[in-house]
Amino acid sequence: MARLSEPWNIYIMDAKGQQPRKTLEGVANPQGIRWSPDGDWLAFTGDAPDQGGGTWLYNTDTRRLVRVSEDGLGPPAWSPDGTKIAGLLKRGAGFPPQRQLVIIDVRPIVRGD
């Protein structure tokens, strides 16, 4: 079980060459990795290397990593136009678990507005 808490790497692979390449190293507890509709960004929750936890956007071409929330939203989902991310945030420790829907406008990040 100890190996589950070890950092992970994120790899991408093109469809033609089918050769995986490491694009982001040392992510602890990565969850809910989702491509943006335009294929430029990955959204995920986890602990980024030397930056702490939260919900992140990562551009695989520029290698830009941006925290969009200190909360780990699970699992992040993109709006069809790629300008917003939605996810569920767990509130409290009771049963049944209470969840809050959080929507984050990521247009300034993904579009450079």
N, C-alpha and C. Protein backbone atom coordinates (compact mmCIF):
# COMPACT_ATOMS: atom_id res chain seq x y z
N MET A 1 0.81 -1.21 0.00
CA MET A 1 0.00 0.00 0.00
C MET A 1 0.85 1.27 0.00
N ALA A 2 2.07 1.19 0.52
CA ALA A 2 2.91 2.38 0.60
C ALA A 2 3.19 2.97 -0.78
N ARG A 3 3.26 2.14 -1.79
CA ARG A 3 3.58 2.64 -3.12
C ARG A 3 2.47 3.51 -3.70
N LEU A 4 1.25 3.43 -3.15
CA LEU A 4 0.16 4.24 -3.66
C LEU A 4 0.36 5.72 -3.37
N SER A 5 1.13 6.06 -2.35
CA SER A 5 1.34 7.46 -2.02
C SER A 5 2.60 8.04 -2.68
N GLU A 6 3.30 7.23 -3.45
CA GLU A 6 4.49 7.71 -4.15
C GLU A 6 4.07 8.62 -5.32
N PRO A 7 4.91 9.59 -5.67
CA PRO A 7 4.60 10.47 -6.80
C PRO A 7 4.49 9.70 -8.12
N TRP A 8 3.65 10.20 -8.99
CA TRP A 8 3.42 9.62 -10.31
C TRP A 8 3.95 10.57 -11.37
N ASN A 9 4.09 10.06 -12.56
CA ASN A 9 4.43 10.87 -13.72
C ASN A 9 3.24 10.83 -14.68
N ILE A 10 3.08 11.90 -15.43
CA ILE A 10 2.02 11.94 -16.44
C ILE A 10 2.71 11.84 -17.80
N TYR A 11 2.24 10.89 -18.60
CA TYR A 11 2.79 10.65 -19.94
C TYR A 11 1.72 10.97 -20.97
N ILE A 12 2.17 11.38 -22.15
CA ILE A 12 1.26 11.52 -23.29
C ILE A 12 1.85 10.72 -24.44
N MET A 13 0.98 10.40 -25.41
CA MET A 13 1.42 9.58 -26.52
C MET A 13 0.64 10.00 -27.76
N ASP A 14 1.34 10.18 -28.87
CA ASP A 14 0.64 10.50 -30.11
C ASP A 14 0.10 9.20 -30.71
N ALA A 15 -0.98 9.33 -31.45
CA ALA A 15 -1.66 8.15 -32.00
C ALA A 15 -0.83 7.43 -33.06
N LYS A 16 -0.05 8.17 -33.84
CA LYS A 16 0.72 7.53 -34.91
C LYS A 16 1.95 6.81 -34.39
N GLY A 17 2.81 7.51 -33.68
CA GLY A 17 4.07 6.92 -33.23
C GLY A 17 3.91 5.96 -32.07
N GLN A 18 2.88 6.15 -31.29
CA GLN A 18 2.58 5.32 -30.12
C GLN A 18 3.78 5.17 -29.20
N GLN A 19 4.53 6.25 -29.05
CA GLN A 19 5.66 6.27 -28.13
C GLN A 19 5.32 7.22 -26.97
N PRO A 20 5.11 6.69 -25.77
CA PRO A 20 4.80 7.58 -24.65
C PRO A 20 5.99 8.45 -24.30
N ARG A 21 5.70 9.69 -23.90
CA ARG A 21 6.76 10.58 -23.42
C ARG A 21 6.30 11.25 -22.13
N LYS A 22 7.22 11.31 -21.19
CA LYS A 22 6.94 11.90 -19.90
C LYS A 22 6.78 13.40 -20.07
N THR A 23 5.69 13.94 -19.52
CA THR A 23 5.45 15.36 -19.68
C THR A 23 5.40 16.10 -18.35
N LEU A 24 5.05 15.42 -17.26
CA LEU A 24 5.01 16.04 -15.95
C LEU A 24 5.41 14.99 -14.92
N GLU A 25 6.40 15.33 -14.10
CA GLU A 25 6.93 14.38 -13.12
C GLU A 25 6.51 14.75 -11.70
N GLY A 26 6.42 13.72 -10.85
CA GLY A 26 6.29 13.93 -9.41
C GLY A 26 4.94 14.37 -8.91
N VAL A 27 3.86 14.00 -9.58
CA VAL A 27 2.52 14.36 -9.13
C VAL A 27 2.05 13.31 -8.12
N ALA A 28 1.70 13.75 -6.92
CA ALA A 28 1.21 12.82 -5.91
C ALA A 28 -0.32 12.80 -5.94
N ASN A 29 -0.87 11.62 -5.85
CA ASN A 29 -2.33 11.41 -5.81
C ASN A 29 -3.07 12.02 -6.99
N PRO A 30 -2.61 11.83 -8.22
CA PRO A 30 -3.34 12.40 -9.36
C PRO A 30 -4.68 11.70 -9.54
N GLN A 31 -5.70 12.48 -9.80
CA GLN A 31 -7.04 11.93 -9.99
C GLN A 31 -7.78 12.72 -11.05
N GLY A 32 -8.67 12.04 -11.73
CA GLY A 32 -9.60 12.70 -12.65
C GLY A 32 -8.94 13.44 -13.79
N ILE A 33 -7.90 12.90 -14.39
CA ILE A 33 -7.22 13.60 -15.48
C ILE A 33 -8.15 13.66 -16.69
N ARG A 34 -8.38 14.88 -17.20
CA ARG A 34 -9.29 15.08 -18.33
C ARG A 34 -8.67 16.05 -19.33
N TRP A 35 -8.74 15.71 -20.62
CA TRP A 35 -8.30 16.61 -21.69
C TRP A 35 -9.33 17.70 -21.91
N SER A 36 -8.86 18.90 -22.23
CA SER A 36 -9.75 19.98 -22.63
C SER A 36 -10.33 19.64 -24.00
N PRO A 37 -11.47 20.24 -24.36
CA PRO A 37 -12.07 19.94 -25.67
C PRO A 37 -11.14 20.21 -26.85
N ASP A 38 -10.25 21.20 -26.73
CA ASP A 38 -9.34 21.49 -27.84
C ASP A 38 -8.06 20.65 -27.79
N GLY A 39 -7.89 19.84 -26.75
CA GLY A 39 -6.75 18.96 -26.64
C GLY A 39 -5.45 19.64 -26.21
N ASP A 40 -5.53 20.89 -25.75
CA ASP A 40 -4.33 21.62 -25.35
C ASP A 40 -3.99 21.50 -23.87
N TRP A 41 -4.99 21.26 -23.04
CA TRP A 41 -4.81 21.29 -21.59
C TRP A 41 -5.30 20.00 -20.95
N LEU A 42 -4.65 19.65 -19.84
CA LEU A 42 -5.13 18.58 -18.96
C LEU A 42 -5.62 19.23 -17.67
N ALA A 43 -6.75 18.78 -17.18
CA ALA A 43 -7.24 19.19 -15.86
C ALA A 43 -7.11 17.96 -14.96
N PHE A 44 -6.66 18.17 -13.74
CA PHE A 44 -6.56 17.06 -12.79
C PHE A 44 -6.50 17.61 -11.37
N THR A 45 -6.73 16.74 -10.41
CA THR A 45 -6.52 17.08 -9.02
C THR A 45 -5.34 16.28 -8.50
N GLY A 46 -4.66 16.83 -7.53
CA GLY A 46 -3.51 16.14 -6.95
C GLY A 46 -2.54 17.14 -6.35
N ASP A 47 -1.39 16.63 -5.96
CA ASP A 47 -0.34 17.46 -5.39
C ASP A 47 0.75 17.62 -6.44
N ALA A 48 0.90 18.85 -6.93
CA ALA A 48 1.92 19.12 -7.95
C ALA A 48 3.29 19.22 -7.29
N PRO A 49 4.32 18.91 -8.04
CA PRO A 49 5.68 18.93 -7.49
C PRO A 49 6.04 20.27 -6.85
N ASP A 50 6.34 20.25 -5.56
CA ASP A 50 6.78 21.43 -4.80
C ASP A 50 5.77 22.58 -4.79
N GLN A 51 4.49 22.29 -5.10
CA GLN A 51 3.51 23.37 -5.15
C GLN A 51 2.25 23.08 -4.34
N GLY A 52 2.11 21.89 -3.81
CA GLY A 52 0.95 21.58 -2.99
C GLY A 52 -0.21 21.01 -3.77
N GLY A 53 -1.30 20.86 -3.06
CA GLY A 53 -2.47 20.20 -3.64
C GLY A 53 -3.47 21.16 -4.25
N GLY A 54 -4.43 20.58 -4.94
CA GLY A 54 -5.50 21.37 -5.53
C GLY A 54 -5.96 20.80 -6.85
N THR A 55 -6.60 21.66 -7.62
CA THR A 55 -7.04 21.32 -8.97
C THR A 55 -6.18 22.13 -9.93
N TRP A 56 -5.67 21.45 -10.94
CA TRP A 56 -4.64 22.02 -11.81
C TRP A 56 -5.02 21.96 -13.28
N LEU A 57 -4.46 22.88 -14.04
CA LEU A 57 -4.47 22.82 -15.50
C LEU A 57 -3.02 22.72 -15.93
N TYR A 58 -2.79 21.87 -16.93
CA TYR A 58 -1.43 21.67 -17.43
C TYR A 58 -1.46 21.65 -18.95
N ASN A 59 -0.66 22.53 -19.56
CA ASN A 59 -0.54 22.57 -21.01
C ASN A 59 0.64 21.71 -21.40
N THR A 60 0.39 20.64 -22.13
CA THR A 60 1.45 19.69 -22.46
C THR A 60 2.44 20.23 -23.49
N ASP A 61 2.04 21.24 -24.27
CA ASP A 61 2.97 21.83 -25.25
C ASP A 61 3.93 22.82 -24.58
N THR A 62 3.37 23.73 -23.79
CA THR A 62 4.19 24.77 -23.16
C THR A 62 4.71 24.34 -21.79
N ARG A 63 4.17 23.26 -21.26
CA ARG A 63 4.49 22.75 -19.91
C ARG A 63 4.13 23.75 -18.81
N ARG A 64 3.13 24.56 -19.09
CA ARG A 64 2.63 25.52 -18.11
C ARG A 64 1.68 24.79 -17.16
N LEU A 65 1.92 24.93 -15.86
CA LEU A 65 1.11 24.31 -14.82
C LEU A 65 0.49 25.42 -13.99
N VAL A 66 -0.85 25.43 -13.87
CA VAL A 66 -1.56 26.49 -13.18
C VAL A 66 -2.55 25.88 -12.20
N ARG A 67 -2.46 26.29 -10.93
CA ARG A 67 -3.46 25.85 -9.95
C ARG A 67 -4.69 26.74 -10.11
N VAL A 68 -5.85 26.11 -10.31
CA VAL A 68 -7.09 26.88 -10.46
C VAL A 68 -7.92 26.83 -9.19
N SER A 69 -7.58 25.94 -8.27
CA SER A 69 -8.27 25.86 -6.97
C SER A 69 -7.37 25.15 -5.98
N GLU A 70 -7.36 25.64 -4.75
CA GLU A 70 -6.62 24.93 -3.70
C GLU A 70 -7.36 23.68 -3.26
N ASP A 71 -8.63 23.60 -3.62
CA ASP A 71 -9.44 22.42 -3.32
C ASP A 71 -9.30 21.40 -4.44
N GLY A 72 -9.26 20.14 -4.07
CA GLY A 72 -9.25 19.07 -5.06
C GLY A 72 -10.67 18.77 -5.48
N LEU A 73 -11.05 19.22 -6.65
CA LEU A 73 -12.40 18.98 -7.17
C LEU A 73 -12.42 17.63 -7.86
N GLY A 74 -13.41 16.84 -7.54
CA GLY A 74 -13.39 15.52 -8.14
C GLY A 74 -14.67 15.15 -8.83
N PRO A 75 -14.55 14.51 -9.92
CA PRO A 75 -13.49 14.66 -10.92
C PRO A 75 -13.75 15.91 -11.74
N PRO A 76 -12.73 16.64 -12.15
CA PRO A 76 -12.98 17.85 -12.93
C PRO A 76 -13.56 17.51 -14.30
N ALA A 77 -14.47 18.36 -14.76
CA ALA A 77 -15.09 18.17 -16.08
C ALA A 77 -15.07 19.51 -16.82
N TRP A 78 -14.77 19.46 -18.11
CA TRP A 78 -14.69 20.66 -18.94
C TRP A 78 -16.06 21.02 -19.51
N SER A 79 -16.31 22.32 -19.65
CA SER A 79 -17.48 22.77 -20.41
C SER A 79 -17.20 22.48 -21.88
N PRO A 80 -18.24 22.35 -22.70
CA PRO A 80 -18.01 22.03 -24.12
C PRO A 80 -17.13 23.04 -24.86
N ASP A 81 -17.16 24.32 -24.44
CA ASP A 81 -16.33 25.32 -25.11
C ASP A 81 -14.93 25.45 -24.50
N GLY A 82 -14.65 24.67 -23.44
CA GLY A 82 -13.32 24.66 -22.84
C GLY A 82 -12.98 25.88 -22.01
N THR A 83 -13.98 26.65 -21.57
CA THR A 83 -13.70 27.86 -20.80
C THR A 83 -14.00 27.72 -19.32
N LYS A 84 -14.60 26.61 -18.93
CA LYS A 84 -14.94 26.40 -17.52
C LYS A 84 -14.63 24.96 -17.12
N ILE A 85 -14.36 24.81 -15.81
CA ILE A 85 -14.18 23.48 -15.23
C ILE A 85 -15.17 23.36 -14.10
N ALA A 86 -15.82 22.22 -14.02
CA ALA A 86 -16.76 21.94 -12.93
C ALA A 86 -16.27 20.70 -12.19
N GLY A 87 -16.55 20.67 -10.90
CA GLY A 87 -16.19 19.51 -10.10
C GLY A 87 -16.93 19.54 -8.78
N LEU A 88 -16.92 18.42 -8.11
CA LEU A 88 -17.59 18.31 -6.82
C LEU A 88 -16.60 18.49 -5.69
N LEU A 89 -16.99 19.29 -4.72
CA LEU A 89 -16.17 19.55 -3.54
C LEU A 89 -16.86 18.93 -2.35
N LYS A 90 -16.15 18.07 -1.62
CA LYS A 90 -16.69 17.42 -0.44
C LYS A 90 -16.71 18.42 0.71
N ARG A 91 -17.85 18.53 1.38
CA ARG A 91 -18.01 19.43 2.52
C ARG A 91 -18.34 18.62 3.76
N GLY A 92 -17.57 18.79 4.81
CA GLY A 92 -17.85 18.12 6.08
C GLY A 92 -17.45 16.66 6.07
N ALA A 93 -17.59 16.03 7.25
CA ALA A 93 -17.17 14.64 7.40
C ALA A 93 -18.34 13.71 7.69
N GLY A 94 -19.54 14.20 7.64
CA GLY A 94 -20.70 13.39 7.99
C GLY A 94 -21.10 12.40 6.91
N PHE A 95 -22.14 11.63 7.25
CA PHE A 95 -22.69 10.69 6.28
C PHE A 95 -24.17 10.97 6.15
N PRO A 96 -24.70 11.01 4.97
CA PRO A 96 -24.00 10.87 3.71
C PRO A 96 -23.14 12.10 3.43
N PRO A 97 -22.10 11.92 2.65
CA PRO A 97 -21.20 13.05 2.38
C PRO A 97 -21.94 14.17 1.67
N GLN A 98 -21.64 15.39 2.05
CA GLN A 98 -22.23 16.56 1.41
C GLN A 98 -21.29 17.04 0.31
N ARG A 99 -21.85 17.30 -0.84
CA ARG A 99 -21.06 17.74 -1.99
C ARG A 99 -21.59 19.08 -2.49
N GLN A 100 -20.67 19.89 -2.97
CA GLN A 100 -21.01 21.18 -3.55
C GLN A 100 -20.45 21.22 -4.96
N LEU A 101 -21.26 21.62 -5.92
CA LEU A 101 -20.80 21.78 -7.29
C LEU A 101 -20.06 23.11 -7.40
N VAL A 102 -18.82 23.06 -7.88
CA VAL A 102 -18.00 24.26 -8.06
C VAL A 102 -17.70 24.41 -9.54
N ILE A 103 -17.90 25.62 -10.05
CA ILE A 103 -17.60 25.92 -11.45
C ILE A 103 -16.56 27.04 -11.48
N ILE A 104 -15.47 26.81 -12.20
CA ILE A 104 -14.37 27.77 -12.26
C ILE A 104 -14.21 28.25 -13.70
N ASP A 105 -14.19 29.56 -13.87
CA ASP A 105 -13.94 30.14 -15.19
C ASP A 105 -12.44 30.11 -15.45
N VAL A 106 -12.02 29.32 -16.42
CA VAL A 106 -10.60 29.21 -16.75
C VAL A 106 -10.25 29.89 -18.08
N ARG A 107 -11.17 30.67 -18.59
CA ARG A 107 -10.96 31.37 -19.88
C ARG A 107 -9.66 32.19 -19.89
N PRO A 108 -9.36 32.97 -18.81
CA PRO A 108 -8.12 33.75 -18.86
C PRO A 108 -6.86 32.88 -18.99
N ILE A 109 -6.91 31.67 -18.49
CA ILE A 109 -5.76 30.79 -18.55
C ILE A 109 -5.65 30.12 -19.92
N VAL A 110 -6.74 29.51 -20.36
CA VAL A 110 -6.69 28.71 -21.59
C VAL A 110 -6.73 29.56 -22.86
N ARG A 111 -7.30 30.75 -22.77
CA ARG A 111 -7.39 31.61 -23.94
C ARG A 111 -6.43 32.78 -23.90
N GLY A 112 -5.79 32.98 -22.74
CA GLY A 112 -4.85 34.09 -22.60
C GLY A 112 -5.51 35.44 -22.57
N ASP A 113 -6.80 35.48 -22.13
CA ASP A 113 -7.53 36.76 -22.07
C ASP A 113 -7.00 37.65 -20.96
